[in-house]
Amino acid sequence: MSKSAFPFSRKNYLLLFLGLALICLGFIVMGMDGEPHGNGFLGLTLGPILTLSGFILEFFAIFVKPSKP
């Protein structure tokens, strides 16, 4: 059993980065809503869906097991 300096594999870190990018994109989309107080489609539907999917991807990235070499 070899000990790695990093707790996750490259795949885990890539998924973590993609999840973080998706969370940021969700907040940007919510901020782009032109309706007052963000009450349009972007602020109430699309932005929260993107943000929630980013958090789900982050959760998945932490718990996925690295593949054996």
C-alpha atoms as a PDB file:
ATOM      1  CA  MET A   1       0.000   0.000   0.000  1.00  0.00           C
ATOM      2  CA  SER A   2       1.580   3.259  -1.110  1.00  0.00           C
ATOM      3  CA  LYS A   3       0.956   6.490   0.750  1.00  0.00           C
ATOM      4  CA  SER A   4       0.200   9.492  -1.421  1.00  0.00           C
ATOM      5  CA  ALA A   5       0.949  13.051  -0.357  1.00  0.00           C
ATOM      6  CA  PHE A   6      -2.564  14.068  -1.382  1.00  0.00           C
ATOM      7  CA  PRO A   7      -5.727  12.649   0.191  1.00  0.00           C
ATOM      8  CA  PHE A   8      -7.608  12.517  -3.127  1.00  0.00           C
ATOM      9  CA  SER A   9      -6.786  11.439  -6.642  1.00  0.00           C
ATOM     10  CA  ARG A  10      -6.646  13.677  -9.703  1.00  0.00           C
ATOM     11  CA  LYS A  11     -10.243  12.711 -10.555  1.00  0.00           C
ATOM     12  CA  ASN A  12     -11.466  13.876  -7.140  1.00  0.00           C
ATOM     13  CA  TYR A  13      -9.744  17.238  -7.459  1.00  0.00           C
ATOM     14  CA  LEU A  14     -11.107  17.725 -10.973  1.00  0.00           C
ATOM     15  CA  LEU A  15     -14.650  17.015  -9.767  1.00  0.00           C
ATOM     16  CA  LEU A  16     -14.162  19.386  -6.809  1.00  0.00           C
ATOM     17  CA  PHE A  17     -13.016  22.143  -9.173  1.00  0.00           C
ATOM     18  CA  LEU A  18     -15.950  21.555 -11.528  1.00  0.00           C
ATOM     19  CA  GLY A  19     -18.382  21.656  -8.602  1.00  0.00           C
ATOM     20  CA  LEU A  20     -16.911  24.944  -7.400  1.00  0.00           C
ATOM     21  CA  ALA A  21     -17.168  26.387 -10.912  1.00  0.00           C
ATOM     22  CA  LEU A  22     -20.810  25.284 -11.108  1.00  0.00           C
ATOM     23  CA  ILE A  23     -21.594  26.924  -7.757  1.00  0.00           C
ATOM     24  CA  CYS A  24     -19.992  30.177  -8.918  1.00  0.00           C
ATOM     25  CA  LEU A  25     -21.875  29.999 -12.216  1.00  0.00           C
ATOM     26  CA  GLY A  26     -25.144  29.549 -10.347  1.00  0.00           C
ATOM     27  CA  PHE A  27     -24.531  32.668  -8.271  1.00  0.00           C
ATOM     28  CA  ILE A  28     -23.535  34.642 -11.372  1.00  0.00           C
ATOM     29  CA  VAL A  29     -26.713  33.547 -13.158  1.00  0.00           C
ATOM     30  CA  MET A  30     -28.814  34.573 -10.149  1.00  0.00           C
ATOM     31  CA  GLY A  31     -27.133  37.981 -10.188  1.00  0.00           C
ATOM     32  CA  MET A  32     -27.832  38.443 -13.914  1.00  0.00           C
ATOM     33  CA  ASP A  33     -31.591  38.353 -13.418  1.00  0.00           C
ATOM     34  CA  GLY A  34     -33.097  41.623 -14.649  1.00  0.00           C
ATOM     35  CA  GLU A  35     -36.302  41.416 -12.627  1.00  0.00           C
ATOM     36  CA  PRO A  36     -36.599  43.412  -9.409  1.00  0.00           C
ATOM     37  CA  HIS A  37     -35.228  41.526  -6.374  1.00  0.00           C
ATOM     38  CA  GLY A  38     -34.268  38.592  -8.606  1.00  0.00           C
ATOM     39  CA  ASN A  39     -37.827  37.374  -9.092  1.00  0.00           C
ATOM     40  CA  GLY A  40     -37.385  36.204 -12.682  1.00  0.00           C
ATOM     41  CA  PHE A  41     -36.600  32.813 -14.190  1.00  0.00           C
ATOM     42  CA  LEU A  42     -32.837  33.199 -13.772  1.00  0.00           C
ATOM     43  CA  GLY A  43     -33.000  34.210 -10.113  1.00  0.00           C
ATOM     44  CA  LEU A  44     -35.671  31.792  -8.933  1.00  0.00           C
ATOM     45  CA  THR A  45     -35.178  28.697 -11.091  1.00  0.00           C
ATOM     46  CA  LEU A  46     -32.014  28.356 -13.152  1.00  0.00           C
ATOM     47  CA  GLY A  47     -29.507  29.869 -10.704  1.00  0.00           C
ATOM     48  CA  PRO A  48     -30.571  27.791  -7.691  1.00  0.00           C
ATOM     49  CA  ILE A  49     -30.642  24.602  -9.789  1.00  0.00           C
ATOM     50  CA  LEU A  50     -27.078  25.242 -10.971  1.00  0.00           C
ATOM     51  CA  THR A  51     -25.914  26.055  -7.455  1.00  0.00           C
ATOM     52  CA  LEU A  52     -27.559  22.984  -5.927  1.00  0.00           C
ATOM     53  CA  SER A  53     -26.116  20.731  -8.621  1.00  0.00           C
ATOM     54  CA  GLY A  54     -22.670  22.177  -7.863  1.00  0.00           C
ATOM     55  CA  PHE A  55     -23.045  21.299  -4.175  1.00  0.00           C
ATOM     56  CA  ILE A  56     -24.206  17.786  -5.102  1.00  0.00           C
ATOM     57  CA  LEU A  57     -21.160  17.406  -7.353  1.00  0.00           C
ATOM     58  CA  GLU A  58     -18.910  18.560  -4.491  1.00  0.00           C
ATOM     59  CA  PHE A  59     -20.462  15.951  -2.193  1.00  0.00           C
ATOM     60  CA  PHE A  60     -19.996  13.254  -4.836  1.00  0.00           C
ATOM     61  CA  ALA A  61     -16.379  14.302  -5.476  1.00  0.00           C
ATOM     62  CA  ILE A  62     -15.498  13.876  -1.815  1.00  0.00           C
ATOM     63  CA  PHE A  63     -16.980  10.397  -1.514  1.00  0.00           C
ATOM     64  CA  VAL A  64     -15.964   8.847  -4.841  1.00  0.00           C
ATOM     65  CA  LYS A  65     -13.149   6.338  -4.390  1.00  0.00           C
ATOM     66  CA  PRO A  66      -9.991   6.822  -6.433  1.00  0.00           C
ATOM     67  CA  SER A  67      -9.441   4.217  -9.116  1.00  0.00           C
ATOM     68  CA  LYS A  68      -6.664   1.695  -8.589  1.00  0.00           C
ATOM     69  CA  PRO A  69      -3.598   2.174 -10.829  1.00  0.00           C
END
